[in-house]
Amino acid sequence: MATEAKFLTVKETAETLGVSPNTVRAWGSSGKLPEYRHPLNNYRLFKQADVERLRSKIAEPVLQSKPKVKSKKRGGK
């Protein structure tokens, strides 16, 4: 039995990711989030699995290195 993928609208995707709908549209256009089009009305749709994958990636903590501090060279006489 084939399982059909569940699709989300721009608004549903934005709410799931905690971003604005315009951000979702930009991510779809840039390829960061694969987008699909409804065959009748051409609305943007996003696979729920893709959205969840991006959501888990967004939730990962970002490891930041300590900022490099330039040491002051003291000139001696």
PDB file of N, CA and C in Angstrom:
ATOM      1  N   MET A   1       0.836  -1.179   0.000  1.00  0.00           N
ATOM      2  CA  MET A   1       0.000   0.000   0.000  1.00  0.00           C
ATOM      3  C   MET A   1       0.881   1.242   0.000  1.00  0.00           C
ATOM      4  N   ALA A   2       0.662   2.148  -0.912  1.00  0.00           N
ATOM      5  CA  ALA A   2       1.468   3.359  -1.017  1.00  0.00           C
ATOM      6  C   ALA A   2       0.990   4.406  -0.012  1.00  0.00           C
ATOM      7  N   THR A   3       1.951   5.072   0.605  1.00  0.00           N
ATOM      8  CA  THR A   3       1.629   6.121   1.563  1.00  0.00           C
ATOM      9  C   THR A   3       1.779   7.466   0.871  1.00  0.00           C
ATOM     10  N   GLU A   4       0.730   8.277   0.932  1.00  0.00           N
ATOM     11  CA  GLU A   4       0.790   9.593   0.320  1.00  0.00           C
ATOM     12  C   GLU A   4       1.453  10.570   1.284  1.00  0.00           C
ATOM     13  N   ALA A   5       2.273  11.456   0.725  1.00  0.00           N
ATOM     14  CA  ALA A   5       2.941  12.459   1.537  1.00  0.00           C
ATOM     15  C   ALA A   5       1.934  13.531   1.938  1.00  0.00           C
ATOM     16  N   LYS A   6       2.064  14.015   3.182  1.00  0.00           N
ATOM     17  CA  LYS A   6       1.215  15.109   3.643  1.00  0.00           C
ATOM     18  C   LYS A   6       1.889  16.421   3.286  1.00  0.00           C
ATOM     19  N   PHE A   7       1.110  17.320   2.720  1.00  0.00           N
ATOM     20  CA  PHE A   7       1.632  18.622   2.328  1.00  0.00           C
ATOM     21  C   PHE A   7       1.084  19.710   3.230  1.00  0.00           C
ATOM     22  N   LEU A   8       1.904  20.735   3.455  1.00  0.00           N
ATOM     23  CA  LEU A   8       1.516  21.882   4.272  1.00  0.00           C
ATOM     24  C   LEU A   8       1.493  23.135   3.406  1.00  0.00           C
ATOM     25  N   THR A   9       0.616  24.059   3.762  1.00  0.00           N
ATOM     26  CA  THR A   9       0.568  25.347   3.069  1.00  0.00           C
ATOM     27  C   THR A   9       1.693  26.239   3.595  1.00  0.00           C
ATOM     28  N   VAL A  10       1.838  27.399   2.976  1.00  0.00           N
ATOM     29  CA  VAL A  10       2.850  28.363   3.428  1.00  0.00           C
ATOM     30  C   VAL A  10       2.577  28.752   4.883  1.00  0.00           C
ATOM     31  N   LYS A  11       1.322  29.045   5.196  1.00  0.00           N
ATOM     32  CA  LYS A  11       0.961  29.466   6.556  1.00  0.00           C
ATOM     33  C   LYS A  11       1.244  28.364   7.569  1.00  0.00           C
ATOM     34  N   GLU A  12       0.853  27.140   7.264  1.00  0.00           N
ATOM     35  CA  GLU A  12       1.097  26.014   8.179  1.00  0.00           C
ATOM     36  C   GLU A  12       2.594  25.784   8.372  1.00  0.00           C
ATOM     37  N   THR A  13       3.341  25.898   7.296  1.00  0.00           N
ATOM     38  CA  THR A  13       4.788  25.714   7.364  1.00  0.00           C
ATOM     39  C   THR A  13       5.423  26.796   8.222  1.00  0.00           C
ATOM     40  N   ALA A  14       4.990  28.047   8.037  1.00  0.00           N
ATOM     41  CA  ALA A  14       5.524  29.165   8.819  1.00  0.00           C
ATOM     42  C   ALA A  14       5.249  28.968  10.305  1.00  0.00           C
ATOM     43  N   GLU A  15       4.051  28.534  10.645  1.00  0.00           N
ATOM     44  CA  GLU A  15       3.696  28.299  12.046  1.00  0.00           C
ATOM     45  C   GLU A  15       4.525  27.159  12.635  1.00  0.00           C
ATOM     46  N   THR A  16       4.739  26.115  11.867  1.00  0.00           N
ATOM     47  CA  THR A  16       5.528  24.971  12.333  1.00  0.00           C
ATOM     48  C   THR A  16       6.974  25.366  12.601  1.00  0.00           C
ATOM     49  N   LEU A  17       7.529  26.210  11.724  1.00  0.00           N
ATOM     50  CA  LEU A  17       8.938  26.603  11.849  1.00  0.00           C
ATOM     51  C   LEU A  17       9.143  27.831  12.726  1.00  0.00           C
ATOM     52  N   GLY A  18       8.071  28.546  13.037  1.00  0.00           N
ATOM     53  CA  GLY A  18       8.186  29.740  13.853  1.00  0.00           C
ATOM     54  C   GLY A  18       8.802  30.914  13.116  1.00  0.00           C
ATOM     55  N   VAL A  19       8.509  31.007  11.832  1.00  0.00           N
ATOM     56  CA  VAL A  19       9.017  32.110  11.005  1.00  0.00           C
ATOM     57  C   VAL A  19       7.831  32.728  10.256  1.00  0.00           C
ATOM     58  N   SER A  20       8.087  33.806   9.551  1.00  0.00           N
ATOM     59  CA  SER A  20       7.018  34.464   8.798  1.00  0.00           C
ATOM     60  C   SER A  20       6.763  33.722   7.480  1.00  0.00           C
ATOM     61  N   PRO A  21       5.554  33.892   6.932  1.00  0.00           N
ATOM     62  CA  PRO A  21       5.263  33.281   5.629  1.00  0.00           C
ATOM     63  C   PRO A  21       6.219  33.748   4.530  1.00  0.00           C
ATOM     64  N   ASN A  22       6.643  35.009   4.573  1.00  0.00           N
ATOM     65  CA  ASN A  22       7.586  35.489   3.562  1.00  0.00           C
ATOM     66  C   ASN A  22       8.929  34.767   3.659  1.00  0.00           C
ATOM     67  N   THR A  23       9.349  34.417   4.865  1.00  0.00           N
ATOM     68  CA  THR A  23      10.586  33.651   5.043  1.00  0.00           C
ATOM     69  C   THR A  23      10.440  32.275   4.406  1.00  0.00           C
ATOM     70  N   VAL A  24       9.294  31.648   4.604  1.00  0.00           N
ATOM     71  CA  VAL A  24       9.035  30.326   4.004  1.00  0.00           C
ATOM     72  C   VAL A  24       9.086  30.431   2.485  1.00  0.00           C
ATOM     73  N   ARG A  25       8.483  31.475   1.925  1.00  0.00           N
ATOM     74  CA  ARG A  25       8.510  31.651   0.470  1.00  0.00           C
ATOM     75  C   ARG A  25       9.936  31.839  -0.038  1.00  0.00           C
ATOM     76  N   ALA A  26      10.719  32.626   0.705  1.00  0.00           N
ATOM     77  CA  ALA A  26      12.109  32.867   0.303  1.00  0.00           C
ATOM     78  C   ALA A  26      12.918  31.574   0.380  1.00  0.00           C
ATOM     79  N   TRP A  27      12.727  30.797   1.434  1.00  0.00           N
ATOM     80  CA  TRP A  27      13.439  29.530   1.571  1.00  0.00           C
ATOM     81  C   TRP A  27      13.038  28.563   0.459  1.00  0.00           C
ATOM     82  N   GLY A  28      11.773  28.585   0.055  1.00  0.00           N
ATOM     83  CA  GLY A  28      11.321  27.740  -1.039  1.00  0.00           C
ATOM     84  C   GLY A  28      11.943  28.158  -2.359  1.00  0.00           C
ATOM     85  N   SER A  29      11.979  29.468  -2.601  1.00  0.00           N
ATOM     86  CA  SER A  29      12.556  29.981  -3.850  1.00  0.00           C
ATOM     87  C   SER A  29      14.047  29.720  -3.946  1.00  0.00           C
ATOM     88  N   SER A  30      14.742  29.790  -2.800  1.00  0.00           N
ATOM     89  CA  SER A  30      16.195  29.606  -2.807  1.00  0.00           C
ATOM     90  C   SER A  30      16.605  28.131  -2.785  1.00  0.00           C
ATOM     91  N   GLY A  31      15.641  27.242  -2.521  1.00  0.00           N
ATOM     92  CA  GLY A  31      15.952  25.819  -2.484  1.00  0.00           C
ATOM     93  C   GLY A  31      16.315  25.296  -1.111  1.00  0.00           C
ATOM     94  N   LYS A  32      16.295  26.157  -0.109  1.00  0.00           N
ATOM     95  CA  LYS A  32      16.595  25.714   1.255  1.00  0.00           C
ATOM     96  C   LYS A  32      15.516  24.741   1.742  1.00  0.00           C
ATOM     97  N   LEU A  33      14.308  24.949   1.272  1.00  0.00           N
ATOM     98  CA  LEU A  33      13.181  24.083   1.600  1.00  0.00           C
ATOM     99  C   LEU A  33      12.498  23.719   0.282  1.00  0.00           C
ATOM    100  N   PRO A  34      12.498  22.437  -0.094  1.00  0.00           N
ATOM    101  CA  PRO A  34      11.890  22.059  -1.373  1.00  0.00           C
ATOM    102  C   PRO A  34      10.411  22.432  -1.423  1.00  0.00           C
ATOM    103  N   GLU A  35      10.013  23.084  -2.477  1.00  0.00           N
ATOM    104  CA  GLU A  35       8.607  23.459  -2.617  1.00  0.00           C
ATOM    105  C   GLU A  35       7.984  22.748  -3.804  1.00  0.00           C
ATOM    106  N   TYR A  36       6.702  22.542  -3.694  1.00  0.00           N
ATOM    107  CA  TYR A  36       5.918  21.889  -4.737  1.00  0.00           C
ATOM    108  C   TYR A  36       4.757  22.808  -5.053  1.00  0.00           C
ATOM    109  N   ARG A  37       4.139  22.623  -6.188  1.00  0.00           N
ATOM    110  CA  ARG A  37       3.014  23.458  -6.593  1.00  0.00           C
ATOM    111  C   ARG A  37       1.762  22.609  -6.757  1.00  0.00           C
ATOM    112  N   HIS A  38       0.655  23.139  -6.270  1.00  0.00           N
ATOM    113  CA  HIS A  38      -0.631  22.476  -6.434  1.00  0.00           C
ATOM    114  C   HIS A  38      -0.968  22.489  -7.929  1.00  0.00           C
ATOM    115  N   PRO A  39      -1.388  21.376  -8.483  1.00  0.00           N
ATOM    116  CA  PRO A  39      -1.597  21.303  -9.931  1.00  0.00           C
ATOM    117  C   PRO A  39      -2.743  22.178 -10.452  1.00  0.00           C
ATOM    118  N   LEU A  40      -3.716  22.522  -9.627  1.00  0.00           N
ATOM    119  CA  LEU A  40      -4.849  23.310 -10.104  1.00  0.00           C
ATOM    120  C   LEU A  40      -4.696  24.801  -9.852  1.00  0.00           C
ATOM    121  N   ASN A  41      -4.190  25.175  -8.674  1.00  0.00           N
ATOM    122  CA  ASN A  41      -4.151  26.598  -8.346  1.00  0.00           C
ATOM    123  C   ASN A  41      -2.729  27.166  -8.238  1.00  0.00           C
ATOM    124  N   ASN A  42      -1.731  26.322  -8.400  1.00  0.00           N
ATOM    125  CA  ASN A  42      -0.326  26.716  -8.389  1.00  0.00           C
ATOM    126  C   ASN A  42       0.173  27.251  -7.033  1.00  0.00           C
ATOM    127  N   TYR A  43      -0.573  26.958  -5.951  1.00  0.00           N
ATOM    128  CA  TYR A  43      -0.127  27.375  -4.619  1.00  0.00           C
ATOM    129  C   TYR A  43       1.127  26.613  -4.235  1.00  0.00           C
ATOM    130  N   ARG A  44       1.971  27.248  -3.433  1.00  0.00           N
ATOM    131  CA  ARG A  44       3.161  26.569  -2.910  1.00  0.00           C
ATOM    132  C   ARG A  44       2.731  25.566  -1.840  1.00  0.00           C
ATOM    133  N   LEU A  45       3.335  24.395  -1.885  1.00  0.00           N
ATOM    134  CA  LEU A  45       3.105  23.363  -0.878  1.00  0.00           C
ATOM    135  C   LEU A  45       4.451  22.808  -0.449  1.00  0.00           C
ATOM    136  N   PHE A  46       4.519  22.346   0.783  1.00  0.00           N
ATOM    137  CA  PHE A  46       5.761  21.814   1.339  1.00  0.00           C
ATOM    138  C   PHE A  46       5.467  20.471   1.990  1.00  0.00           C
ATOM    139  N   LYS A  47       6.313  19.484   1.723  1.00  0.00           N
ATOM    140  CA  LYS A  47       6.130  18.173   2.333  1.00  0.00           C
ATOM    141  C   LYS A  47       6.402  18.284   3.831  1.00  0.00           C
ATOM    142  N   GLN A  48       5.525  17.668   4.607  1.00  0.00           N
ATOM    143  CA  GLN A  48       5.650  17.725   6.059  1.00  0.00           C
ATOM    144  C   GLN A  48       6.982  17.135   6.516  1.00  0.00           C
ATOM    145  N   ALA A  49       7.442  16.087   5.864  1.00  0.00           N
ATOM    146  CA  ALA A  49       8.722  15.469   6.241  1.00  0.00           C
ATOM    147  C   ALA A  49       9.881  16.443   6.027  1.00  0.00           C
ATOM    148  N   ASP A  50       9.844  17.218   4.934  1.00  0.00           N
ATOM    149  CA  ASP A  50      10.888  18.214   4.677  1.00  0.00           C
ATOM    150  C   ASP A  50      10.858  19.321   5.726  1.00  0.00           C
ATOM    151  N   VAL A  51       9.648  19.737   6.093  1.00  0.00           N
ATOM    152  CA  VAL A  51       9.493  20.794   7.094  1.00  0.00           C
ATOM    153  C   VAL A  51      10.018  20.315   8.446  1.00  0.00           C
ATOM    154  N   GLU A  52       9.690  19.094   8.828  1.00  0.00           N
ATOM    155  CA  GLU A  52      10.159  18.549  10.106  1.00  0.00           C
ATOM    156  C   GLU A  52      11.684  18.408  10.118  1.00  0.00           C
ATOM    157  N   ARG A  53      12.246  18.015   8.990  1.00  0.00           N
ATOM    158  CA  ARG A  53      13.700  17.884   8.886  1.00  0.00           C
ATOM    159  C   ARG A  53      14.366  19.246   9.095  1.00  0.00           C
ATOM    160  N   LEU A  54      13.828  20.279   8.463  1.00  0.00           N
ATOM    161  CA  LEU A  54      14.379  21.623   8.624  1.00  0.00           C
ATOM    162  C   LEU A  54      14.158  22.129  10.046  1.00  0.00           C
ATOM    163  N   ARG A  55      13.013  21.814  10.614  1.00  0.00           N
ATOM    164  CA  ARG A  55      12.717  22.228  11.995  1.00  0.00           C
ATOM    165  C   ARG A  55      13.717  21.643  12.981  1.00  0.00           C
ATOM    166  N   SER A  56      14.057  20.375  12.816  1.00  0.00           N
ATOM    167  CA  SER A  56      15.034  19.757  13.718  1.00  0.00           C
ATOM    168  C   SER A  56      16.425  20.353  13.505  1.00  0.00           C
ATOM    169  N   LYS A  57      16.715  20.729  12.265  1.00  0.00           N
ATOM    170  CA  LYS A  57      18.006  21.353  11.969  1.00  0.00           C
ATOM    171  C   LYS A  57      18.089  22.746  12.598  1.00  0.00           C
ATOM    172  N   ILE A  58      16.982  23.488  12.553  1.00  0.00           N
ATOM    173  CA  ILE A  58      16.936  24.815  13.159  1.00  0.00           C
ATOM    174  C   ILE A  58      17.094  24.717  14.672  1.00  0.00           C
ATOM    175  N   ALA A  59      16.557  23.659  15.263  1.00  0.00           N
ATOM    176  CA  ALA A  59      16.578  23.500  16.715  1.00  0.00           C
ATOM    177  C   ALA A  59      17.953  23.112  17.254  1.00  0.00           C
ATOM    178  N   GLU A  60      18.838  22.632  16.396  1.00  0.00           N
ATOM    179  CA  GLU A  60      20.179  22.244  16.853  1.00  0.00           C
ATOM    180  C   GLU A  60      20.940  23.476  17.338  1.00  0.00           C
ATOM    181  N   PRO A  61      21.639  23.336  18.467  1.00  0.00           N
ATOM    182  CA  PRO A  61      22.419  24.481  18.947  1.00  0.00           C
ATOM    183  C   PRO A  61      23.596  24.764  18.022  1.00  0.00           C
ATOM    184  N   VAL A  62      23.914  26.020  17.919  1.00  0.00           N
ATOM    185  CA  VAL A  62      25.030  26.440  17.082  1.00  0.00           C
ATOM    186  C   VAL A  62      26.263  26.536  17.969  1.00  0.00           C
ATOM    187  N   LEU A  63      27.311  25.840  17.570  1.00  0.00           N
ATOM    188  CA  LEU A  63      28.541  25.898  18.342  1.00  0.00           C
ATOM    189  C   LEU A  63      29.330  27.112  17.883  1.00  0.00           C
ATOM    190  N   GLN A  64      29.644  27.951  18.840  1.00  0.00           N
ATOM    191  CA  GLN A  64      30.389  29.150  18.505  1.00  0.00           C
ATOM    192  C   GLN A  64      31.764  29.070  19.136  1.00  0.00           C
ATOM    193  N   SER A  65      32.748  29.440  18.369  1.00  0.00           N
ATOM    194  CA  SER A  65      34.095  29.468  18.913  1.00  0.00           C
ATOM    195  C   SER A  65      34.288  30.792  19.637  1.00  0.00           C
ATOM    196  N   LYS A  66      35.248  30.800  20.528  1.00  0.00           N
ATOM    197  CA  LYS A  66      35.530  32.020  21.267  1.00  0.00           C
ATOM    198  C   LYS A  66      36.091  33.054  20.303  1.00  0.00           C
ATOM    199  N   PRO A  67      35.712  34.305  20.487  1.00  0.00           N
ATOM    200  CA  PRO A  67      36.245  35.335  19.595  1.00  0.00           C
ATOM    201  C   PRO A  67      37.751  35.483  19.795  1.00  0.00           C
ATOM    202  N   LYS A  68      38.430  35.683  18.688  1.00  0.00           N
ATOM    203  CA  LYS A  68      39.879  35.838  18.750  1.00  0.00           C
ATOM    204  C   LYS A  68      40.207  37.244  19.240  1.00  0.00           C
ATOM    205  N   VAL A  69      41.056  37.289  20.227  1.00  0.00           N
ATOM    206  CA  VAL A  69      41.458  38.572  20.782  1.00  0.00           C
ATOM    207  C   VAL A  69      42.871  38.851  20.322  1.00  0.00           C
ATOM    208  N   LYS A  70      43.052  40.009  19.710  1.00  0.00           N
ATOM    209  CA  LYS A  70      44.398  40.376  19.258  1.00  0.00           C
ATOM    210  C   LYS A  70      45.216  40.783  20.460  1.00  0.00           C
ATOM    211  N   SER A  71      46.365  40.226  20.556  1.00  0.00           N
ATOM    212  CA  SER A  71      47.240  40.616  21.663  1.00  0.00           C
ATOM    213  C   SER A  71      47.993  41.893  21.292  1.00  0.00           C
ATOM    214  N   LYS A  72      48.111  42.729  22.247  1.00  0.00           N
ATOM    215  CA  LYS A  72      48.810  43.991  22.014  1.00  0.00           C
ATOM    216  C   LYS A  72      50.301  43.744  22.199  1.00  0.00           C
ATOM    217  N   LYS A  73      51.036  44.078  21.187  1.00  0.00           N
ATOM    218  CA  LYS A  73      52.486  43.930  21.284  1.00  0.00           C
ATOM    219  C   LYS A  73      53.052  45.169  21.937  1.00  0.00           C
ATOM    220  N   ARG A  74      53.839  44.942  22.927  1.00  0.00           N
ATOM    221  CA  ARG A  74      54.447  46.071  23.618  1.00  0.00           C
ATOM    222  C   ARG A  74      55.851  46.267  23.099  1.00  0.00           C
ATOM    223  N   GLY A  75      56.073  47.441  22.615  1.00  0.00           N
ATOM    224  CA  GLY A  75      57.415  47.762  22.105  1.00  0.00           C
ATOM    225  C   GLY A  75      58.322  48.201  23.245  1.00  0.00           C
ATOM    226  N   GLY A  76      59.467  47.624  23.332  1.00  0.00           N
ATOM    227  CA  GLY A  76      60.404  47.973  24.408  1.00  0.00           C
ATOM    228  C   GLY A  76      61.549  48.795  23.895  1.00  0.00           C
ATOM    229  N   LYS A  77      62.092  49.635  24.756  1.00  0.00           N
ATOM    230  CA  LYS A  77      63.245  50.451  24.368  1.00  0.00           C
ATOM    231  C   LYS A  77      64.465  49.945  25.034  1.00  0.00           C
TER     232      LYS A  77
END
